[in-house]
Amino acid sequence: EAAQWAIGQLHPVGELPFSILQDEGFDADTYIDIFDGGPTVQAPLASLRSVRLAREVQVHAEAGGPRHWQLLVRPTRANFAAVLAEAGERITPADAPALDARVGERLLATPLQAQEQA
């Protein structure tokens, strides 16, 4: 009986990650995870907050605008990379040295704040 009750229930350790996924736009569904019996989530790609708010940015030599945490992505398949960076509206190579981005290169940027851009 206890095992039947546990199927589909969220383990307390998973509450924070589960809520983060829901904030991103994922919805709990009726499926259960085959490995731990917990709930699963799913969402159409276009409905995810980070995808909806992603914008193409060009790397500049000089920074500009208020700085905030963003996910910066080099979207090319051959050398895909993604990093979290505190950067302004004008992204510079120094904002995300791990990307090794060059001035003029185009990246995708998604803000990490909960509020959505107008």
PDB file of N, CA and C in Angstrom:
ATOM      1  N   GLU A   1       0.823  -1.200   0.000  1.00  0.00           N
ATOM      2  CA  GLU A   1       0.000   0.000   0.000  1.00  0.00           C
ATOM      3  C   GLU A   1       0.865   1.261   0.000  1.00  0.00           C
ATOM      4  N   ALA A   2       1.937   1.279   0.797  1.00  0.00           N
ATOM      5  CA  ALA A   2       2.832   2.444   0.856  1.00  0.00           C
ATOM      6  C   ALA A   2       3.506   2.670  -0.490  1.00  0.00           C
ATOM      7  N   ALA A   3       3.905   1.588  -1.152  1.00  0.00           N
ATOM      8  CA  ALA A   3       4.554   1.710  -2.459  1.00  0.00           C
ATOM      9  C   ALA A   3       3.565   2.250  -3.488  1.00  0.00           C
ATOM     10  N   GLN A   4       2.342   1.800  -3.462  1.00  0.00           N
ATOM     11  CA  GLN A   4       1.330   2.310  -4.392  1.00  0.00           C
ATOM     12  C   GLN A   4       1.087   3.796  -4.160  1.00  0.00           C
ATOM     13  N   TRP A   5       1.063   4.218  -2.906  1.00  0.00           N
ATOM     14  CA  TRP A   5       0.853   5.630  -2.600  1.00  0.00           C
ATOM     15  C   TRP A   5       2.014   6.477  -3.104  1.00  0.00           C
ATOM     16  N   ALA A   6       3.238   5.945  -3.048  1.00  0.00           N
ATOM     17  CA  ALA A   6       4.438   6.706  -3.416  1.00  0.00           C
ATOM     18  C   ALA A   6       4.563   6.919  -4.926  1.00  0.00           C
ATOM     19  N   ILE A   7       3.945   6.081  -5.729  1.00  0.00           N
ATOM     20  CA  ILE A   7       4.073   6.203  -7.187  1.00  0.00           C
ATOM     21  C   ILE A   7       3.464   7.534  -7.643  1.00  0.00           C
ATOM     22  N   GLY A   8       4.253   8.282  -8.377  1.00  0.00           N
ATOM     23  CA  GLY A   8       3.801   9.568  -8.894  1.00  0.00           C
ATOM     24  C   GLY A   8       3.952  10.724  -7.930  1.00  0.00           C
ATOM     25  N   GLN A   9       4.430  10.451  -6.704  1.00  0.00           N
ATOM     26  CA  GLN A   9       4.621  11.511  -5.712  1.00  0.00           C
ATOM     27  C   GLN A   9       6.015  12.120  -5.859  1.00  0.00           C
ATOM     28  N   LEU A  10       6.126  13.393  -5.594  1.00  0.00           N
ATOM     29  CA  LEU A  10       7.383  14.103  -5.677  1.00  0.00           C
ATOM     30  C   LEU A  10       8.164  13.931  -4.379  1.00  0.00           C
ATOM     31  N   HIS A  11       9.395  13.473  -4.478  1.00  0.00           N
ATOM     32  CA  HIS A  11      10.254  13.328  -3.302  1.00  0.00           C
ATOM     33  C   HIS A  11      10.642  14.731  -2.824  1.00  0.00           C
ATOM     34  N   PRO A  12      10.724  14.953  -1.510  1.00  0.00           N
ATOM     35  CA  PRO A  12      11.067  16.288  -1.008  1.00  0.00           C
ATOM     36  C   PRO A  12      12.366  16.855  -1.594  1.00  0.00           C
ATOM     37  N   VAL A  13      13.347  16.014  -1.888  1.00  0.00           N
ATOM     38  CA  VAL A  13      14.607  16.472  -2.469  1.00  0.00           C
ATOM     39  C   VAL A  13      14.371  17.048  -3.871  1.00  0.00           C
ATOM     40  N   GLY A  14      13.345  16.593  -4.553  1.00  0.00           N
ATOM     41  CA  GLY A  14      13.069  17.048  -5.912  1.00  0.00           C
ATOM     42  C   GLY A  14      12.146  18.251  -6.008  1.00  0.00           C
ATOM     43  N   GLU A  15      11.676  18.763  -4.868  1.00  0.00           N
ATOM     44  CA  GLU A  15      10.712  19.872  -4.910  1.00  0.00           C
ATOM     45  C   GLU A  15      11.278  21.134  -5.553  1.00  0.00           C
ATOM     46  N   LEU A  16      12.491  21.526  -5.203  1.00  0.00           N
ATOM     47  CA  LEU A  16      13.075  22.739  -5.775  1.00  0.00           C
ATOM     48  C   LEU A  16      13.319  22.593  -7.284  1.00  0.00           C
ATOM     49  N   PRO A  17      13.995  21.527  -7.734  1.00  0.00           N
ATOM     50  CA  PRO A  17      14.168  21.392  -9.184  1.00  0.00           C
ATOM     51  C   PRO A  17      12.829  21.324  -9.928  1.00  0.00           C
ATOM     52  N   PHE A  18      11.855  20.659  -9.350  1.00  0.00           N
ATOM     53  CA  PHE A  18      10.547  20.545  -9.986  1.00  0.00           C
ATOM     54  C   PHE A  18       9.893  21.920 -10.116  1.00  0.00           C
ATOM     55  N   SER A  19      10.001  22.750  -9.070  1.00  0.00           N
ATOM     56  CA  SER A  19       9.399  24.087  -9.135  1.00  0.00           C
ATOM     57  C   SER A  19      10.140  24.972 -10.140  1.00  0.00           C
ATOM     58  N   ILE A  20      11.457  24.803 -10.264  1.00  0.00           N
ATOM     59  CA  ILE A  20      12.218  25.560 -11.260  1.00  0.00           C
ATOM     60  C   ILE A  20      11.735  25.206 -12.660  1.00  0.00           C
ATOM     61  N   LEU A  21      11.534  23.928 -12.918  1.00  0.00           N
ATOM     62  CA  LEU A  21      11.021  23.499 -14.223  1.00  0.00           C
ATOM     63  C   LEU A  21       9.626  24.066 -14.483  1.00  0.00           C
ATOM     64  N   GLN A  22       8.784  24.084 -13.472  1.00  0.00           N
ATOM     65  CA  GLN A  22       7.445  24.646 -13.646  1.00  0.00           C
ATOM     66  C   GLN A  22       7.516  26.148 -13.913  1.00  0.00           C
ATOM     67  N   ASP A  23       8.416  26.860 -13.230  1.00  0.00           N
ATOM     68  CA  ASP A  23       8.587  28.291 -13.485  1.00  0.00           C
ATOM     69  C   ASP A  23       9.054  28.536 -14.917  1.00  0.00           C
ATOM     70  N   GLU A  24       9.817  27.620 -15.470  1.00  0.00           N
ATOM     71  CA  GLU A  24      10.319  27.739 -16.837  1.00  0.00           C
ATOM     72  C   GLU A  24       9.209  27.508 -17.862  1.00  0.00           C
ATOM     73  N   GLY A  25       8.151  26.811 -17.455  1.00  0.00           N
ATOM     74  CA  GLY A  25       7.039  26.584 -18.371  1.00  0.00           C
ATOM     75  C   GLY A  25       6.669  25.127 -18.565  1.00  0.00           C
ATOM     76  N   PHE A  26       7.342  24.243 -17.867  1.00  0.00           N
ATOM     77  CA  PHE A  26       7.004  22.826 -17.952  1.00  0.00           C
ATOM     78  C   PHE A  26       5.747  22.549 -17.132  1.00  0.00           C
ATOM     79  N   ASP A  27       4.969  21.583 -17.566  1.00  0.00           N
ATOM     80  CA  ASP A  27       3.775  21.155 -16.837  1.00  0.00           C
ATOM     81  C   ASP A  27       3.924  19.701 -16.434  1.00  0.00           C
ATOM     82  N   ALA A  28       3.430  19.389 -15.222  1.00  0.00           N
ATOM     83  CA  ALA A  28       3.398  18.000 -14.787  1.00  0.00           C
ATOM     84  C   ALA A  28       2.376  17.270 -15.644  1.00  0.00           C
ATOM     85  N   ASP A  29       2.682  16.038 -15.964  1.00  0.00           N
ATOM     86  CA  ASP A  29       1.726  15.266 -16.764  1.00  0.00           C
ATOM     87  C   ASP A  29       1.355  13.986 -16.018  1.00  0.00           C
ATOM     88  N   THR A  30       0.713  13.096 -16.677  1.00  0.00           N
ATOM     89  CA  THR A  30       0.218  11.881 -16.011  1.00  0.00           C
ATOM     90  C   THR A  30       1.206  10.726 -16.067  1.00  0.00           C
ATOM     91  N   TYR A  31       2.362  10.940 -16.675  1.00  0.00           N
ATOM     92  CA  TYR A  31       3.365   9.887 -16.751  1.00  0.00           C
ATOM     93  C   TYR A  31       4.189   9.854 -15.471  1.00  0.00           C
ATOM     94  N   ILE A  32       4.809   8.706 -15.222  1.00  0.00           N
ATOM     95  CA  ILE A  32       5.723   8.603 -14.088  1.00  0.00           C
ATOM     96  C   ILE A  32       7.092   8.202 -14.615  1.00  0.00           C
ATOM     97  N   ASP A  33       8.120   8.586 -13.886  1.00  0.00           N
ATOM     98  CA  ASP A  33       9.487   8.255 -14.249  1.00  0.00           C
ATOM     99  C   ASP A  33       9.712   6.759 -14.044  1.00  0.00           C
ATOM    100  N   ILE A  34      10.282   6.094 -15.033  1.00  0.00           N
ATOM    101  CA  ILE A  34      10.458   4.637 -14.931  1.00  0.00           C
ATOM    102  C   ILE A  34      11.546   4.248 -13.931  1.00  0.00           C
ATOM    103  N   PHE A  35      12.397   5.188 -13.543  1.00  0.00           N
ATOM    104  CA  PHE A  35      13.486   4.851 -12.631  1.00  0.00           C
ATOM    105  C   PHE A  35      13.123   5.058 -11.167  1.00  0.00           C
ATOM    106  N   ASP A  36      12.375   6.132 -10.860  1.00  0.00           N
ATOM    107  CA  ASP A  36      12.061   6.374  -9.450  1.00  0.00           C
ATOM    108  C   ASP A  36      10.563   6.455  -9.155  1.00  0.00           C
ATOM    109  N   GLY A  37       9.720   6.332 -10.179  1.00  0.00           N
ATOM    110  CA  GLY A  37       8.279   6.346  -9.964  1.00  0.00           C
ATOM    111  C   GLY A  37       7.715   7.724  -9.684  1.00  0.00           C
ATOM    112  N   GLY A  38       8.553   8.767  -9.795  1.00  0.00           N
ATOM    113  CA  GLY A  38       8.096  10.129  -9.538  1.00  0.00           C
ATOM    114  C   GLY A  38       7.424  10.741 -10.751  1.00  0.00           C
ATOM    115  N   PRO A  39       6.889  11.946 -10.585  1.00  0.00           N
ATOM    116  CA  PRO A  39       6.199  12.605 -11.687  1.00  0.00           C
ATOM    117  C   PRO A  39       7.196  13.091 -12.749  1.00  0.00           C
ATOM    118  N   THR A  40       6.705  13.267 -13.948  1.00  0.00           N
ATOM    119  CA  THR A  40       7.518  13.825 -15.032  1.00  0.00           C
ATOM    120  C   THR A  40       6.880  15.119 -15.502  1.00  0.00           C
ATOM    121  N   VAL A  41       7.639  15.909 -16.236  1.00  0.00           N
ATOM    122  CA  VAL A  41       7.140  17.161 -16.796  1.00  0.00           C
ATOM    123  C   VAL A  41       7.428  17.181 -18.290  1.00  0.00           C
ATOM    124  N   GLN A  42       6.654  17.975 -18.995  1.00  0.00           N
ATOM    125  CA  GLN A  42       6.892  18.158 -20.425  1.00  0.00           C
ATOM    126  C   GLN A  42       6.339  19.506 -20.844  1.00  0.00           C
ATOM    127  N   ALA A  43       6.809  19.987 -21.998  1.00  0.00           N
ATOM    128  CA  ALA A  43       6.342  21.275 -22.518  1.00  0.00           C
ATOM    129  C   ALA A  43       6.745  21.390 -23.977  1.00  0.00           C
ATOM    130  N   PRO A  44       5.924  22.073 -24.775  1.00  0.00           N
ATOM    131  CA  PRO A  44       6.370  22.391 -26.128  1.00  0.00           C
ATOM    132  C   PRO A  44       7.557  23.348 -26.030  1.00  0.00           C
ATOM    133  N   LEU A  45       8.566  23.156 -26.844  1.00  0.00           N
ATOM    134  CA  LEU A  45       9.778  23.966 -26.786  1.00  0.00           C
ATOM    135  C   LEU A  45       9.465  25.462 -26.841  1.00  0.00           C
ATOM    136  N   ALA A  46       8.573  25.874 -27.714  1.00  0.00           N
ATOM    137  CA  ALA A  46       8.265  27.301 -27.893  1.00  0.00           C
ATOM    138  C   ALA A  46       7.596  27.919 -26.663  1.00  0.00           C
ATOM    139  N   SER A  47       7.073  27.112 -25.754  1.00  0.00           N
ATOM    140  CA  SER A  47       6.408  27.668 -24.581  1.00  0.00           C
ATOM    141  C   SER A  47       7.363  27.904 -23.411  1.00  0.00           C
ATOM    142  N   LEU A  48       8.598  27.458 -23.525  1.00  0.00           N
ATOM    143  CA  LEU A  48       9.543  27.633 -22.429  1.00  0.00           C
ATOM    144  C   LEU A  48      10.001  29.087 -22.350  1.00  0.00           C
ATOM    145  N   ARG A  49      10.049  29.614 -21.139  1.00  0.00           N
ATOM    146  CA  ARG A  49      10.392  31.015 -20.921  1.00  0.00           C
ATOM    147  C   ARG A  49      11.737  31.370 -21.533  1.00  0.00           C
ATOM    148  N   SER A  50      12.745  30.534 -21.311  1.00  0.00           N
ATOM    149  CA  SER A  50      14.079  30.865 -21.827  1.00  0.00           C
ATOM    150  C   SER A  50      14.122  30.867 -23.350  1.00  0.00           C
ATOM    151  N   VAL A  51      13.286  30.087 -23.983  1.00  0.00           N
ATOM    152  CA  VAL A  51      13.226  30.081 -25.452  1.00  0.00           C
ATOM    153  C   VAL A  51      12.450  31.302 -25.948  1.00  0.00           C
ATOM    154  N   ARG A  52      11.325  31.605 -25.317  1.00  0.00           N
ATOM    155  CA  ARG A  52      10.512  32.760 -25.722  1.00  0.00           C
ATOM    156  C   ARG A  52      11.275  34.075 -25.593  1.00  0.00           C
ATOM    157  N   LEU A  53      12.092  34.196 -24.551  1.00  0.00           N
ATOM    158  CA  LEU A  53      12.786  35.453 -24.287  1.00  0.00           C
ATOM    159  C   LEU A  53      14.168  35.542 -24.931  1.00  0.00           C
ATOM    160  N   ALA A  54      14.615  34.470 -25.567  1.00  0.00           N
ATOM    161  CA  ALA A  54      15.934  34.485 -26.199  1.00  0.00           C
ATOM    162  C   ALA A  54      15.956  35.510 -27.328  1.00  0.00           C
ATOM    163  N   ARG A  55      17.072  36.214 -27.413  1.00  0.00           N
ATOM    164  CA  ARG A  55      17.240  37.193 -28.481  1.00  0.00           C
ATOM    165  C   ARG A  55      18.649  37.051 -29.035  1.00  0.00           C
ATOM    166  N   GLU A  56      18.797  37.388 -30.297  1.00  0.00           N
ATOM    167  CA  GLU A  56      20.116  37.341 -30.900  1.00  0.00           C
ATOM    168  C   GLU A  56      20.851  38.628 -30.558  1.00  0.00           C
ATOM    169  N   VAL A  57      22.095  38.495 -30.124  1.00  0.00           N
ATOM    170  CA  VAL A  57      22.914  39.659 -29.788  1.00  0.00           C
ATOM    171  C   VAL A  57      24.241  39.549 -30.518  1.00  0.00           C
ATOM    172  N   GLN A  58      24.801  40.695 -30.812  1.00  0.00           N
ATOM    173  CA  GLN A  58      26.114  40.734 -31.440  1.00  0.00           C
ATOM    174  C   GLN A  58      27.132  41.095 -30.365  1.00  0.00           C
ATOM    175  N   VAL A  59      28.280  40.461 -30.416  1.00  0.00           N
ATOM    176  CA  VAL A  59      29.343  40.754 -29.460  1.00  0.00           C
ATOM    177  C   VAL A  59      30.005  42.070 -29.860  1.00  0.00           C
ATOM    178  N   HIS A  60      30.137  42.976 -28.876  1.00  0.00           N
ATOM    179  CA  HIS A  60      30.708  44.305 -29.107  1.00  0.00           C
ATOM    180  C   HIS A  60      32.051  44.445 -28.393  1.00  0.00           C
ATOM    181  N   ALA A  61      32.810  45.432 -28.792  1.00  0.00           N
ATOM    182  CA  ALA A  61      34.095  45.701 -28.150  1.00  0.00           C
ATOM    183  C   ALA A  61      33.908  46.363 -26.785  1.00  0.00           C
ATOM    184  N   GLU A  62      32.825  47.159 -26.641  1.00  0.00           N
ATOM    185  CA  GLU A  62      32.582  47.870 -25.386  1.00  0.00           C
ATOM    186  C   GLU A  62      31.227  47.482 -24.813  1.00  0.00           C
ATOM    187  N   ALA A  63      31.169  47.378 -23.490  1.00  0.00           N
ATOM    188  CA  ALA A  63      29.929  47.004 -22.806  1.00  0.00           C
ATOM    189  C   ALA A  63      28.977  48.188 -22.762  1.00  0.00           C
ATOM    190  N   GLY A  64      27.722  47.884 -22.484  1.00  0.00           N
ATOM    191  CA  GLY A  64      26.729  48.930 -22.331  1.00  0.00           C
ATOM    192  C   GLY A  64      25.468  48.384 -21.702  1.00  0.00           C
ATOM    193  N   GLY A  65      24.774  49.254 -20.969  1.00  0.00           N
ATOM    194  CA  GLY A  65      23.505  48.884 -20.349  1.00  0.00           C
ATOM    195  C   GLY A  65      23.707  48.266 -18.980  1.00  0.00           C
ATOM    196  N   PRO A  66      22.623  48.216 -18.208  1.00  0.00           N
ATOM    197  CA  PRO A  66      22.699  47.620 -16.867  1.00  0.00           C
ATOM    198  C   PRO A  66      23.041  46.136 -16.955  1.00  0.00           C
ATOM    199  N   ARG A  67      23.839  45.689 -15.995  1.00  0.00           N
ATOM    200  CA  ARG A  67      24.263  44.289 -16.003  1.00  0.00           C
ATOM    201  C   ARG A  67      23.238  43.427 -15.269  1.00  0.00           C
ATOM    202  N   HIS A  68      22.977  42.241 -15.810  1.00  0.00           N
ATOM    203  CA  HIS A  68      22.116  41.266 -15.169  1.00  0.00           C
ATOM    204  C   HIS A  68      22.534  39.869 -15.616  1.00  0.00           C
ATOM    205  N   TRP A  69      22.100  38.866 -14.866  1.00  0.00           N
ATOM    206  CA  TRP A  69      22.478  37.491 -15.192  1.00  0.00           C
ATOM    207  C   TRP A  69      21.724  37.025 -16.427  1.00  0.00           C
ATOM    208  N   GLN A  70      22.481  36.418 -17.336  1.00  0.00           N
ATOM    209  CA  GLN A  70      21.924  35.925 -18.591  1.00  0.00           C
ATOM    210  C   GLN A  70      22.541  34.572 -18.922  1.00  0.00           C
ATOM    211  N   LEU A  71      21.823  33.820 -19.712  1.00  0.00           N
ATOM    212  CA  LEU A  71      22.366  32.621 -20.321  1.00  0.00           C
ATOM    213  C   LEU A  71      22.831  33.038 -21.707  1.00  0.00           C
ATOM    214  N   LEU A  72      24.119  32.906 -21.985  1.00  0.00           N
ATOM    215  CA  LEU A  72      24.678  33.253 -23.287  1.00  0.00           C
ATOM    216  C   LEU A  72      25.027  31.958 -24.014  1.00  0.00           C
ATOM    217  N   VAL A  73      24.605  31.878 -25.275  1.00  0.00           N
ATOM    218  CA  VAL A  73      24.755  30.633 -26.028  1.00  0.00           C
ATOM    219  C   VAL A  73      25.354  30.903 -27.393  1.00  0.00           C
ATOM    220  N   ARG A  74      26.364  30.101 -27.743  1.00  0.00           N
ATOM    221  CA  ARG A  74      26.833  30.062 -29.122  1.00  0.00           C
ATOM    222  C   ARG A  74      26.030  28.926 -29.757  1.00  0.00           C
ATOM    223  N   PRO A  75      25.099  29.268 -30.653  1.00  0.00           N
ATOM    224  CA  PRO A  75      24.144  28.262 -31.110  1.00  0.00           C
ATOM    225  C   PRO A  75      24.605  27.361 -32.250  1.00  0.00           C
ATOM    226  N   THR A  76      25.818  27.523 -32.733  1.00  0.00           N
ATOM    227  CA  THR A  76      26.248  26.692 -33.855  1.00  0.00           C
ATOM    228  C   THR A  76      26.471  25.255 -33.404  1.00  0.00           C
ATOM    229  N   ARG A  77      26.117  24.326 -34.242  1.00  0.00           N
ATOM    230  CA  ARG A  77      26.225  22.917 -33.883  1.00  0.00           C
ATOM    231  C   ARG A  77      27.682  22.493 -33.711  1.00  0.00           C
ATOM    232  N   ALA A  78      28.547  22.993 -34.558  1.00  0.00           N
ATOM    233  CA  ALA A  78      29.942  22.555 -34.542  1.00  0.00           C
ATOM    234  C   ALA A  78      30.657  22.922 -33.248  1.00  0.00           C
ATOM    235  N   ASN A  79      30.390  24.095 -32.698  1.00  0.00           N
ATOM    236  CA  ASN A  79      31.075  24.503 -31.463  1.00  0.00           C
ATOM    237  C   ASN A  79      30.092  25.120 -30.475  1.00  0.00           C
ATOM    238  N   PHE A  80      28.987  24.419 -30.246  1.00  0.00           N
ATOM    239  CA  PHE A  80      27.972  24.868 -29.295  1.00  0.00           C
ATOM    240  C   PHE A  80      28.598  25.058 -27.921  1.00  0.00           C
ATOM    241  N   ALA A  81      28.208  26.121 -27.247  1.00  0.00           N
ATOM    242  CA  ALA A  81      28.631  26.369 -25.865  1.00  0.00           C
ATOM    243  C   ALA A  81      27.590  27.267 -25.213  1.00  0.00           C
ATOM    244  N   ALA A  82      27.432  27.127 -23.907  1.00  0.00           N
ATOM    245  CA  ALA A  82      26.500  27.967 -23.151  1.00  0.00           C
ATOM    246  C   ALA A  82      27.110  28.262 -21.791  1.00  0.00           C
ATOM    247  N   VAL A  83      26.943  29.504 -21.339  1.00  0.00           N
ATOM    248  CA  VAL A  83      27.472  29.906 -20.032  1.00  0.00           C
ATOM    249  C   VAL A  83      26.496  30.867 -19.358  1.00  0.00           C
ATOM    250  N   LEU A  84      26.572  30.925 -18.043  1.00  0.00           N
ATOM    251  CA  LEU A  84      25.867  31.950 -17.283  1.00  0.00           C
ATOM    252  C   LEU A  84      26.825  33.114 -17.138  1.00  0.00           C
ATOM    253  N   ALA A  85      26.345  34.318 -17.403  1.00  0.00           N
ATOM    254  CA  ALA A  85      27.218  35.492 -17.330  1.00  0.00           C
ATOM    255  C   ALA A  85      26.437  36.691 -16.835  1.00  0.00           C
ATOM    256  N   GLU A  86      27.107  37.525 -16.066  1.00  0.00           N
ATOM    257  CA  GLU A  86      26.522  38.802 -15.678  1.00  0.00           C
ATOM    258  C   GLU A  86      26.998  39.814 -16.715  1.00  0.00           C
ATOM    259  N   ALA A  87      26.075  40.271 -17.548  1.00  0.00           N
ATOM    260  CA  ALA A  87      26.446  41.126 -18.679  1.00  0.00           C
ATOM    261  C   ALA A  87      25.363  42.156 -18.921  1.00  0.00           C
ATOM    262  N   GLY A  88      25.722  43.181 -19.683  1.00  0.00           N
ATOM    263  CA  GLY A  88      24.784  44.222 -20.051  1.00  0.00           C
ATOM    264  C   GLY A  88      24.089  43.898 -21.362  1.00  0.00           C
ATOM    265  N   GLU A  89      23.396  44.883 -21.887  1.00  0.00           N
ATOM    266  CA  GLU A  89      22.707  44.697 -23.165  1.00  0.00           C
ATOM    267  C   GLU A  89      23.701  44.517 -24.316  1.00  0.00           C
ATOM    268  N   ARG A  90      24.862  45.140 -24.166  1.00  0.00           N
ATOM    269  CA  ARG A  90      25.928  44.965 -25.159  1.00  0.00           C
ATOM    270  C   ARG A  90      26.926  43.964 -24.587  1.00  0.00           C
ATOM    271  N   ILE A  91      26.941  42.793 -25.157  1.00  0.00           N
ATOM    272  CA  ILE A  91      27.800  41.706 -24.701  1.00  0.00           C
ATOM    273  C   ILE A  91      29.218  41.930 -25.238  1.00  0.00           C
ATOM    274  N   THR A  92      30.217  41.685 -24.383  1.00  0.00           N
ATOM    275  CA  THR A  92      31.611  41.796 -24.809  1.00  0.00           C
ATOM    276  C   THR A  92      32.298  40.437 -24.628  1.00  0.00           C
ATOM    277  N   PRO A  93      33.444  40.226 -25.268  1.00  0.00           N
ATOM    278  CA  PRO A  93      34.173  38.970 -25.057  1.00  0.00           C
ATOM    279  C   PRO A  93      34.531  38.751 -23.582  1.00  0.00           C
ATOM    280  N   ALA A  94      34.758  39.831 -22.827  1.00  0.00           N
ATOM    281  CA  ALA A  94      35.109  39.708 -21.412  1.00  0.00           C
ATOM    282  C   ALA A  94      33.936  39.256 -20.544  1.00  0.00           C
ATOM    283  N   ASP A  95      32.704  39.410 -21.029  1.00  0.00           N
ATOM    284  CA  ASP A  95      31.536  38.998 -20.251  1.00  0.00           C
ATOM    285  C   ASP A  95      31.466  37.491 -20.075  1.00  0.00           C
ATOM    286  N   ALA A  96      31.962  36.745 -21.036  1.00  0.00           N
ATOM    287  CA  ALA A  96      31.897  35.285 -20.988  1.00  0.00           C
ATOM    288  C   ALA A  96      33.159  34.704 -21.622  1.00  0.00           C
ATOM    289  N   PRO A  97      34.285  34.796 -20.921  1.00  0.00           N
ATOM    290  CA  PRO A  97      35.530  34.329 -21.515  1.00  0.00           C
ATOM    291  C   PRO A  97      35.500  32.855 -21.923  1.00  0.00           C
ATOM    292  N   ALA A  98      34.697  32.042 -21.245  1.00  0.00           N
ATOM    293  CA  ALA A  98      34.625  30.623 -21.589  1.00  0.00           C
ATOM    294  C   ALA A  98      34.061  30.396 -22.990  1.00  0.00           C
ATOM    295  N   LEU A  99      33.284  31.352 -23.503  1.00  0.00           N
ATOM    296  CA  LEU A  99      32.748  31.215 -24.865  1.00  0.00           C
ATOM    297  C   LEU A  99      33.793  31.531 -25.922  1.00  0.00           C
ATOM    298  N   ASP A 100      34.830  32.261 -25.531  1.00  0.00           N
ATOM    299  CA  ASP A 100      35.849  32.702 -26.479  1.00  0.00           C
ATOM    300  C   ASP A 100      35.190  33.401 -27.677  1.00  0.00           C
ATOM    301  N   ALA A 101      34.206  34.242 -27.375  1.00  0.00           N
ATOM    302  CA  ALA A 101      33.460  34.954 -28.428  1.00  0.00           C
ATOM    303  C   ALA A 101      34.298  36.084 -28.993  1.00  0.00           C
ATOM    304  N   ARG A 102      34.138  36.341 -30.258  1.00  0.00           N
ATOM    305  CA  ARG A 102      34.861  37.397 -30.962  1.00  0.00           C
ATOM    306  C   ARG A 102      33.926  38.562 -31.251  1.00  0.00           C
ATOM    307  N   VAL A 103      34.464  39.768 -31.291  1.00  0.00           N
ATOM    308  CA  VAL A 103      33.675  40.947 -31.653  1.00  0.00           C
ATOM    309  C   VAL A 103      33.041  40.696 -33.014  1.00  0.00           C
ATOM    310  N   GLY A 104      31.741  40.979 -33.103  1.00  0.00           N
ATOM    311  CA  GLY A 104      30.989  40.761 -34.333  1.00  0.00           C
ATOM    312  C   GLY A 104      30.256  39.432 -34.377  1.00  0.00           C
ATOM    313  N   GLU A 105      30.654  38.486 -33.541  1.00  0.00           N
ATOM    314  CA  GLU A 105      29.987  37.177 -33.508  1.00  0.00           C
ATOM    315  C   GLU A 105      28.568  37.340 -32.966  1.00  0.00           C
ATOM    316  N   ARG A 106      27.656  36.499 -33.406  1.00  0.00           N
ATOM    317  CA  ARG A 106      26.275  36.539 -32.935  1.00  0.00           C
ATOM    318  C   ARG A 106      26.044  35.391 -31.962  1.00  0.00           C
ATOM    319  N   LEU A 107      25.446  35.749 -30.823  1.00  0.00           N
ATOM    320  CA  LEU A 107      25.107  34.793 -29.780  1.00  0.00           C
ATOM    321  C   LEU A 107      23.620  34.894 -29.492  1.00  0.00           C
ATOM    322  N   LEU A 108      23.107  33.951 -28.724  1.00  0.00           N
ATOM    323  CA  LEU A 108      21.754  34.054 -28.179  1.00  0.00           C
ATOM    324  C   LEU A 108      21.889  34.406 -26.706  1.00  0.00           C
ATOM    325  N   ALA A 109      21.024  35.283 -26.228  1.00  0.00           N
ATOM    326  CA  ALA A 109      21.029  35.689 -24.821  1.00  0.00           C
ATOM    327  C   ALA A 109      19.616  35.572 -24.266  1.00  0.00           C
ATOM    328  N   THR A 110      19.522  35.011 -23.069  1.00  0.00           N
ATOM    329  CA  THR A 110      18.244  34.878 -22.372  1.00  0.00           C
ATOM    330  C   THR A 110      18.415  35.394 -20.954  1.00  0.00           C
ATOM    331  N   PRO A 111      17.583  36.343 -20.515  1.00  0.00           N
ATOM    332  CA  PRO A 111      17.696  36.840 -19.140  1.00  0.00           C
ATOM    333  C   PRO A 111      17.248  35.772 -18.150  1.00  0.00           C
ATOM    334  N   LEU A 112      17.845  35.788 -16.970  1.00  0.00           N
ATOM    335  CA  LEU A 112      17.475  34.803 -15.950  1.00  0.00           C
ATOM    336  C   LEU A 112      16.467  35.341 -14.959  1.00  0.00           C
ATOM    337  N   GLN A 113      16.127  36.622 -15.025  1.00  0.00           N
ATOM    338  CA  GLN A 113      15.130  37.168 -14.105  1.00  0.00           C
ATOM    339  C   GLN A 113      13.783  36.540 -14.380  1.00  0.00           C
ATOM    340  N   ALA A 114      12.961  36.517 -13.339  1.00  0.00           N
ATOM    341  CA  ALA A 114      11.620  35.941 -13.480  1.00  0.00           C
ATOM    342  C   ALA A 114      10.702  36.815 -14.328  1.00  0.00           C
ATOM    343  N   GLN A 115      10.902  38.146 -14.282  1.00  0.00           N
ATOM    344  CA  GLN A 115      10.013  39.013 -15.058  1.00  0.00           C
ATOM    345  C   GLN A 115      10.346  38.900 -16.540  1.00  0.00           C
ATOM    346  N   GLU A 116       9.321  39.010 -17.363  1.00  0.00           N
ATOM    347  CA  GLU A 116       9.506  38.907 -18.798  1.00  0.00           C
ATOM    348  C   GLU A 116       9.720  40.281 -19.398  1.00  0.00           C
ATOM    349  N   GLN A 117      10.468  40.317 -20.501  1.00  0.00           N
ATOM    350  CA  GLN A 117      10.735  41.574 -21.184  1.00  0.00           C
ATOM    351  C   GLN A 117       9.481  42.029 -21.920  1.00  0.00           C
ATOM    352  N   ALA A 118       9.356  43.351 -22.076  1.00  0.00           N
ATOM    353  CA  ALA A 118       8.202  43.890 -22.802  1.00  0.00           C
ATOM    354  C   ALA A 118       8.396  43.736 -24.290  1.00  0.00           C
TER     355      ALA A 118
END
